[in-house]
Amino acid sequence: MATKTKSYLEDLNSKSVAELNSELVAAKKELFNLRFQNATNQLENTSRIKEVRKNIARIQTVITAKNSAN
């Protein structure tokens, strides 16, 4: 795993569930905007869509782990 991903996961693990939920909403908004730009042929870096989708999955995984730990 890349060091960038490890530091991102450590950052996620240090946040509360409320902070994670707000970050999840922001990531979903970003994904929507990226898809919209892609549909209108304005998106230059299409790999960003894949990266944001994976980040959403990471956030959801950390939220699930924190909820099951309680």
PDB file of N, CA and C in Angstrom:
ATOM      1  N   MET A   1       0.840  -1.173   0.000  1.00  0.00           N
ATOM      2  CA  MET A   1       0.000   0.000   0.000  1.00  0.00           C
ATOM      3  C   MET A   1       0.887   1.240   0.000  1.00  0.00           C
ATOM      4  N   ALA A   2       0.517   2.198  -0.790  1.00  0.00           N
ATOM      5  CA  ALA A   2       1.305   3.410  -0.908  1.00  0.00           C
ATOM      6  C   ALA A   2       1.259   4.212   0.379  1.00  0.00           C
ATOM      7  N   THR A   3       2.286   5.003   0.593  1.00  0.00           N
ATOM      8  CA  THR A   3       2.342   5.810   1.809  1.00  0.00           C
ATOM      9  C   THR A   3       1.238   6.864   1.815  1.00  0.00           C
ATOM     10  N   LYS A   4       0.855   7.342   0.631  1.00  0.00           N
ATOM     11  CA  LYS A   4      -0.232   8.317   0.546  1.00  0.00           C
ATOM     12  C   LYS A   4      -1.534   7.702   1.056  1.00  0.00           C
ATOM     13  N   THR A   5      -1.787   6.450   0.680  1.00  0.00           N
ATOM     14  CA  THR A   5      -3.002   5.757   1.113  1.00  0.00           C
ATOM     15  C   THR A   5      -2.949   5.469   2.611  1.00  0.00           C
ATOM     16  N   LYS A   6      -1.782   5.073   3.107  1.00  0.00           N
ATOM     17  CA  LYS A   6      -1.639   4.791   4.538  1.00  0.00           C
ATOM     18  C   LYS A   6      -1.901   6.031   5.366  1.00  0.00           C
ATOM     19  N   SER A   7      -1.346   7.150   4.939  1.00  0.00           N
ATOM     20  CA  SER A   7      -1.556   8.380   5.711  1.00  0.00           C
ATOM     21  C   SER A   7      -3.017   8.814   5.633  1.00  0.00           C
ATOM     22  N   TYR A   8      -3.677   8.575   4.495  1.00  0.00           N
ATOM     23  CA  TYR A   8      -5.097   8.907   4.364  1.00  0.00           C
ATOM     24  C   TYR A   8      -5.934   8.041   5.302  1.00  0.00           C
ATOM     25  N   LEU A   9      -5.608   6.750   5.381  1.00  0.00           N
ATOM     26  CA  LEU A   9      -6.335   5.852   6.286  1.00  0.00           C
ATOM     27  C   LEU A   9      -6.115   6.223   7.748  1.00  0.00           C
ATOM     28  N   GLU A  10      -4.891   6.599   8.099  1.00  0.00           N
ATOM     29  CA  GLU A  10      -4.620   7.023   9.467  1.00  0.00           C
ATOM     30  C   GLU A  10      -5.408   8.278   9.796  1.00  0.00           C
ATOM     31  N   ASP A  11      -5.522   9.178   8.824  1.00  0.00           N
ATOM     32  CA  ASP A  11      -6.300  10.394   8.999  1.00  0.00           C
ATOM     33  C   ASP A  11      -7.775  10.058   9.215  1.00  0.00           C
ATOM     34  N   LEU A  12      -8.285   9.110   8.435  1.00  0.00           N
ATOM     35  CA  LEU A  12      -9.686   8.701   8.581  1.00  0.00           C
ATOM     36  C   LEU A  12      -9.935   8.053   9.936  1.00  0.00           C
ATOM     37  N   ASN A  13      -9.028   7.202  10.370  1.00  0.00           N
ATOM     38  CA  ASN A  13      -9.199   6.504  11.638  1.00  0.00           C
ATOM     39  C   ASN A  13      -9.180   7.451  12.833  1.00  0.00           C
ATOM     40  N   SER A  14      -8.522   8.588  12.680  1.00  0.00           N
ATOM     41  CA  SER A  14      -8.444   9.529  13.795  1.00  0.00           C
ATOM     42  C   SER A  14      -9.679  10.414  13.904  1.00  0.00           C
ATOM     43  N   LYS A  15     -10.551  10.395  12.894  1.00  0.00           N
ATOM     44  CA  LYS A  15     -11.737  11.254  12.893  1.00  0.00           C
ATOM     45  C   LYS A  15     -12.919  10.558  13.562  1.00  0.00           C
ATOM     46  N   SER A  16     -13.875  11.377  14.011  1.00  0.00           N
ATOM     47  CA  SER A  16     -15.091  10.835  14.608  1.00  0.00           C
ATOM     48  C   SER A  16     -16.055  10.416  13.497  1.00  0.00           C
ATOM     49  N   VAL A  17     -17.100   9.698  13.880  1.00  0.00           N
ATOM     50  CA  VAL A  17     -18.085   9.226  12.899  1.00  0.00           C
ATOM     51  C   VAL A  17     -18.797  10.402  12.244  1.00  0.00           C
ATOM     52  N   ALA A  18     -19.084  11.449  13.005  1.00  0.00           N
ATOM     53  CA  ALA A  18     -19.749  12.630  12.440  1.00  0.00           C
ATOM     54  C   ALA A  18     -18.871  13.304  11.396  1.00  0.00           C
ATOM     55  N   GLU A  19     -17.580  13.407  11.689  1.00  0.00           N
ATOM     56  CA  GLU A  19     -16.643  14.003  10.721  1.00  0.00           C
ATOM     57  C   GLU A  19     -16.539  13.134   9.478  1.00  0.00           C
ATOM     58  N   LEU A  20     -16.537  11.820   9.673  1.00  0.00           N
ATOM     59  CA  LEU A  20     -16.461  10.900   8.538  1.00  0.00           C
ATOM     60  C   LEU A  20     -17.704  11.013   7.664  1.00  0.00           C
ATOM     61  N   ASN A  21     -18.867  11.163   8.304  1.00  0.00           N
ATOM     62  CA  ASN A  21     -20.100  11.308   7.525  1.00  0.00           C
ATOM     63  C   ASN A  21     -20.087  12.582   6.697  1.00  0.00           C
ATOM     64  N   SER A  22     -19.581  13.670   7.259  1.00  0.00           N
ATOM     65  CA  SER A  22     -19.512  14.914   6.490  1.00  0.00           C
ATOM     66  C   SER A  22     -18.498  14.794   5.352  1.00  0.00           C
ATOM     67  N   GLU A  23     -17.405  14.083   5.594  1.00  0.00           N
ATOM     68  CA  GLU A  23     -16.418  13.870   4.533  1.00  0.00           C
ATOM     69  C   GLU A  23     -16.988  12.966   3.432  1.00  0.00           C
ATOM     70  N   LEU A  24     -17.814  12.008   3.830  1.00  0.00           N
ATOM     71  CA  LEU A  24     -18.463  11.123   2.869  1.00  0.00           C
ATOM     72  C   LEU A  24     -19.400  11.910   1.960  1.00  0.00           C
ATOM     73  N   VAL A  25     -20.166  12.823   2.535  1.00  0.00           N
ATOM     74  CA  VAL A  25     -21.066  13.657   1.744  1.00  0.00           C
ATOM     75  C   VAL A  25     -20.271  14.509   0.757  1.00  0.00           C
ATOM     76  N   ALA A  26     -19.164  15.076   1.218  1.00  0.00           N
ATOM     77  CA  ALA A  26     -18.329  15.902   0.343  1.00  0.00           C
ATOM     78  C   ALA A  26     -17.740  15.078  -0.802  1.00  0.00           C
ATOM     79  N   ALA A  27     -17.314  13.859  -0.503  1.00  0.00           N
ATOM     80  CA  ALA A  27     -16.741  13.000  -1.539  1.00  0.00           C
ATOM     81  C   ALA A  27     -17.795  12.594  -2.567  1.00  0.00           C
ATOM     82  N   LYS A  28     -19.027  12.339  -2.109  1.00  0.00           N
ATOM     83  CA  LYS A  28     -20.095  11.987  -3.043  1.00  0.00           C
ATOM     84  C   LYS A  28     -20.463  13.162  -3.930  1.00  0.00           C
ATOM     85  N   LYS A  29     -20.423  14.373  -3.381  1.00  0.00           N
ATOM     86  CA  LYS A  29     -20.671  15.568  -4.194  1.00  0.00           C
ATOM     87  C   LYS A  29     -19.579  15.735  -5.247  1.00  0.00           C
ATOM     88  N   GLU A  30     -18.332  15.502  -4.823  1.00  0.00           N
ATOM     89  CA  GLU A  30     -17.220  15.608  -5.764  1.00  0.00           C
ATOM     90  C   GLU A  30     -17.363  14.578  -6.880  1.00  0.00           C
ATOM     91  N   LEU A  31     -17.764  13.362  -6.528  1.00  0.00           N
ATOM     92  CA  LEU A  31     -17.955  12.315  -7.531  1.00  0.00           C
ATOM     93  C   LEU A  31     -19.048  12.709  -8.516  1.00  0.00           C
ATOM     94  N   PHE A  32     -20.144  13.276  -8.010  1.00  0.00           N
ATOM     95  CA  PHE A  32     -21.216  13.728  -8.888  1.00  0.00           C
ATOM     96  C   PHE A  32     -20.697  14.786  -9.863  1.00  0.00           C
ATOM     97  N   ASN A  33     -19.943  15.756  -9.340  1.00  0.00           N
ATOM     98  CA  ASN A  33     -19.408  16.807 -10.202  1.00  0.00           C
ATOM     99  C   ASN A  33     -18.440  16.254 -11.239  1.00  0.00           C
ATOM    100  N   LEU A  34     -17.621  15.276 -10.838  1.00  0.00           N
ATOM    101  CA  LEU A  34     -16.688  14.665 -11.788  1.00  0.00           C
ATOM    102  C   LEU A  34     -17.433  13.918 -12.895  1.00  0.00           C
ATOM    103  N   ARG A  35     -18.488  13.203 -12.510  1.00  0.00           N
ATOM    104  CA  ARG A  35     -19.275  12.487 -13.518  1.00  0.00           C
ATOM    105  C   ARG A  35     -19.956  13.456 -14.469  1.00  0.00           C
ATOM    106  N   PHE A  36     -20.435  14.561 -13.935  1.00  0.00           N
ATOM    107  CA  PHE A  36     -21.083  15.579 -14.763  1.00  0.00           C
ATOM    108  C   PHE A  36     -20.081  16.179 -15.748  1.00  0.00           C
ATOM    109  N   GLN A  37     -18.881  16.489 -15.267  1.00  0.00           N
ATOM    110  CA  GLN A  37     -17.833  17.026 -16.138  1.00  0.00           C
ATOM    111  C   GLN A  37     -17.442  16.009 -17.195  1.00  0.00           C
ATOM    112  N   ASN A  38     -17.406  14.741 -16.829  1.00  0.00           N
ATOM    113  CA  ASN A  38     -17.049  13.693 -17.771  1.00  0.00           C
ATOM    114  C   ASN A  38     -18.106  13.566 -18.867  1.00  0.00           C
ATOM    115  N   ALA A  39     -19.375  13.691 -18.492  1.00  0.00           N
ATOM    116  CA  ALA A  39     -20.459  13.572 -19.461  1.00  0.00           C
ATOM    117  C   ALA A  39     -20.456  14.735 -20.452  1.00  0.00           C
ATOM    118  N   THR A  40     -19.993  15.886 -20.003  1.00  0.00           N
ATOM    119  CA  THR A  40     -19.966  17.051 -20.889  1.00  0.00           C
ATOM    120  C   THR A  40     -18.583  17.255 -21.520  1.00  0.00           C
ATOM    121  N   ASN A  41     -17.737  16.257 -21.410  1.00  0.00           N
ATOM    122  CA  ASN A  41     -16.389  16.272 -21.996  1.00  0.00           C
ATOM    123  C   ASN A  41     -15.534  17.425 -21.495  1.00  0.00           C
ATOM    124  N   GLN A  42     -15.695  17.794 -20.232  1.00  0.00           N
ATOM    125  CA  GLN A  42     -14.875  18.852 -19.640  1.00  0.00           C
ATOM    126  C   GLN A  42     -13.823  18.295 -18.691  1.00  0.00           C
ATOM    127  N   LEU A  43     -13.882  16.995 -18.418  1.00  0.00           N
ATOM    128  CA  LEU A  43     -12.969  16.396 -17.443  1.00  0.00           C
ATOM    129  C   LEU A  43     -11.679  15.982 -18.132  1.00  0.00           C
ATOM    130  N   GLU A  44     -10.553  16.469 -17.604  1.00  0.00           N
ATOM    131  CA  GLU A  44      -9.253  16.136 -18.196  1.00  0.00           C
ATOM    132  C   GLU A  44      -8.623  14.919 -17.525  1.00  0.00           C
ATOM    133  N   ASN A  45      -8.766  14.813 -16.194  1.00  0.00           N
ATOM    134  CA  ASN A  45      -8.148  13.720 -15.453  1.00  0.00           C
ATOM    135  C   ASN A  45      -9.223  12.711 -15.057  1.00  0.00           C
ATOM    136  N   THR A  46      -9.490  11.754 -15.933  1.00  0.00           N
ATOM    137  CA  THR A  46     -10.563  10.790 -15.679  1.00  0.00           C
ATOM    138  C   THR A  46     -10.209   9.802 -14.573  1.00  0.00           C
ATOM    139  N   SER A  47      -8.944   9.654 -14.256  1.00  0.00           N
ATOM    140  CA  SER A  47      -8.556   8.725 -13.191  1.00  0.00           C
ATOM    141  C   SER A  47      -8.997   9.238 -11.818  1.00  0.00           C
ATOM    142  N   ARG A  48      -9.333  10.501 -11.733  1.00  0.00           N
ATOM    143  CA  ARG A  48      -9.807  11.081 -10.468  1.00  0.00           C
ATOM    144  C   ARG A  48     -11.132  10.445 -10.035  1.00  0.00           C
ATOM    145  N   ILE A  49     -11.960  10.044 -11.013  1.00  0.00           N
ATOM    146  CA  ILE A  49     -13.236   9.391 -10.692  1.00  0.00           C
ATOM    147  C   ILE A  49     -12.974   8.098  -9.921  1.00  0.00           C
ATOM    148  N   LYS A  50     -12.041   7.307 -10.404  1.00  0.00           N
ATOM    149  CA  LYS A  50     -11.696   6.035  -9.758  1.00  0.00           C
ATOM    150  C   LYS A  50     -11.137   6.275  -8.356  1.00  0.00           C
ATOM    151  N   GLU A  51     -10.305   7.295  -8.222  1.00  0.00           N
ATOM    152  CA  GLU A  51      -9.701   7.612  -6.935  1.00  0.00           C
ATOM    153  C   GLU A  51     -10.758   8.039  -5.912  1.00  0.00           C
ATOM    154  N   VAL A  52     -11.711   8.857  -6.339  1.00  0.00           N
ATOM    155  CA  VAL A  52     -12.765   9.323  -5.431  1.00  0.00           C
ATOM    156  C   VAL A  52     -13.674   8.168  -5.039  1.00  0.00           C
ATOM    157  N   ARG A  53     -13.981   7.269  -5.977  1.00  0.00           N
ATOM    158  CA  ARG A  53     -14.817   6.113  -5.654  1.00  0.00           C
ATOM    159  C   ARG A  53     -14.142   5.243  -4.593  1.00  0.00           C
ATOM    160  N   LYS A  54     -12.837   5.050  -4.721  1.00  0.00           N
ATOM    161  CA  LYS A  54     -12.110   4.247  -3.738  1.00  0.00           C
ATOM    162  C   LYS A  54     -12.065   4.945  -2.380  1.00  0.00           C
ATOM    163  N   ASN A  55     -11.935   6.277  -2.401  1.00  0.00           N
ATOM    164  CA  ASN A  55     -11.943   7.020  -1.141  1.00  0.00           C
ATOM    165  C   ASN A  55     -13.297   6.915  -0.450  1.00  0.00           C
ATOM    166  N   ILE A  56     -14.381   6.939  -1.227  1.00  0.00           N
ATOM    167  CA  ILE A  56     -15.721   6.770  -0.657  1.00  0.00           C
ATOM    168  C   ILE A  56     -15.824   5.404   0.016  1.00  0.00           C
ATOM    169  N   ALA A  57     -15.317   4.385  -0.640  1.00  0.00           N
ATOM    170  CA  ALA A  57     -15.355   3.037  -0.073  1.00  0.00           C
ATOM    171  C   ALA A  57     -14.520   2.963   1.206  1.00  0.00           C
ATOM    172  N   ARG A  58     -13.376   3.646   1.220  1.00  0.00           N
ATOM    173  CA  ARG A  58     -12.534   3.648   2.416  1.00  0.00           C
ATOM    174  C   ARG A  58     -13.250   4.320   3.583  1.00  0.00           C
ATOM    175  N   ILE A  59     -13.891   5.447   3.288  1.00  0.00           N
ATOM    176  CA  ILE A  59     -14.618   6.170   4.345  1.00  0.00           C
ATOM    177  C   ILE A  59     -15.740   5.301   4.894  1.00  0.00           C
ATOM    178  N   GLN A  60     -16.494   4.658   4.008  1.00  0.00           N
ATOM    179  CA  GLN A  60     -17.593   3.803   4.444  1.00  0.00           C
ATOM    180  C   GLN A  60     -17.088   2.625   5.270  1.00  0.00           C
ATOM    181  N   THR A  61     -15.938   2.082   4.918  1.00  0.00           N
ATOM    182  CA  THR A  61     -15.361   0.960   5.661  1.00  0.00           C
ATOM    183  C   THR A  61     -14.987   1.391   7.070  1.00  0.00           C
ATOM    184  N   VAL A  62     -14.380   2.563   7.197  1.00  0.00           N
ATOM    185  CA  VAL A  62     -13.974   3.055   8.516  1.00  0.00           C
ATOM    186  C   VAL A  62     -15.216   3.350   9.362  1.00  0.00           C
ATOM    187  N   ILE A  63     -16.256   3.924   8.756  1.00  0.00           N
ATOM    188  CA  ILE A  63     -17.503   4.196   9.493  1.00  0.00           C
ATOM    189  C   ILE A  63     -18.102   2.887  10.010  1.00  0.00           C
ATOM    190  N   THR A  64     -18.153   1.868   9.171  1.00  0.00           N
ATOM    191  CA  THR A  64     -18.704   0.571   9.566  1.00  0.00           C
ATOM    192  C   THR A  64     -17.887  -0.039  10.702  1.00  0.00           C
ATOM    193  N   ALA A  65     -16.564   0.060  10.601  1.00  0.00           N
ATOM    194  CA  ALA A  65     -15.705  -0.500  11.638  1.00  0.00           C
ATOM    195  C   ALA A  65     -15.917   0.220  12.963  1.00  0.00           C
ATOM    196  N   LYS A  66     -16.041   1.540  12.930  1.00  0.00           N
ATOM    197  CA  LYS A  66     -16.258   2.317  14.157  1.00  0.00           C
ATOM    198  C   LYS A  66     -17.629   2.009  14.765  1.00  0.00           C
ATOM    199  N   ASN A  67     -18.642   1.833  13.918  1.00  0.00           N
ATOM    200  CA  ASN A  67     -19.991   1.524  14.426  1.00  0.00           C
ATOM    201  C   ASN A  67     -20.051   0.128  15.043  1.00  0.00           C
ATOM    202  N   SER A  68     -19.351  -0.824  14.466  1.00  0.00           N
ATOM    203  CA  SER A  68     -19.379  -2.184  14.999  1.00  0.00           C
ATOM    204  C   SER A  68     -18.519  -2.311  16.252  1.00  0.00           C
ATOM    205  N   ALA A  69     -17.569  -1.392  16.424  1.00  0.00           N
ATOM    206  CA  ALA A  69     -16.718  -1.427  17.614  1.00  0.00           C
ATOM    207  C   ALA A  69     -17.466  -0.941  18.844  1.00  0.00           C
ATOM    208  N   ASN A  70     -18.503  -0.145  18.643  1.00  0.00           N
ATOM    209  CA  ASN A  70     -19.264   0.402  19.778  1.00  0.00           C
ATOM    210  C   ASN A  70     -20.279  -0.552  20.306  1.00  0.00           C
TER     211      ASN A  70
END
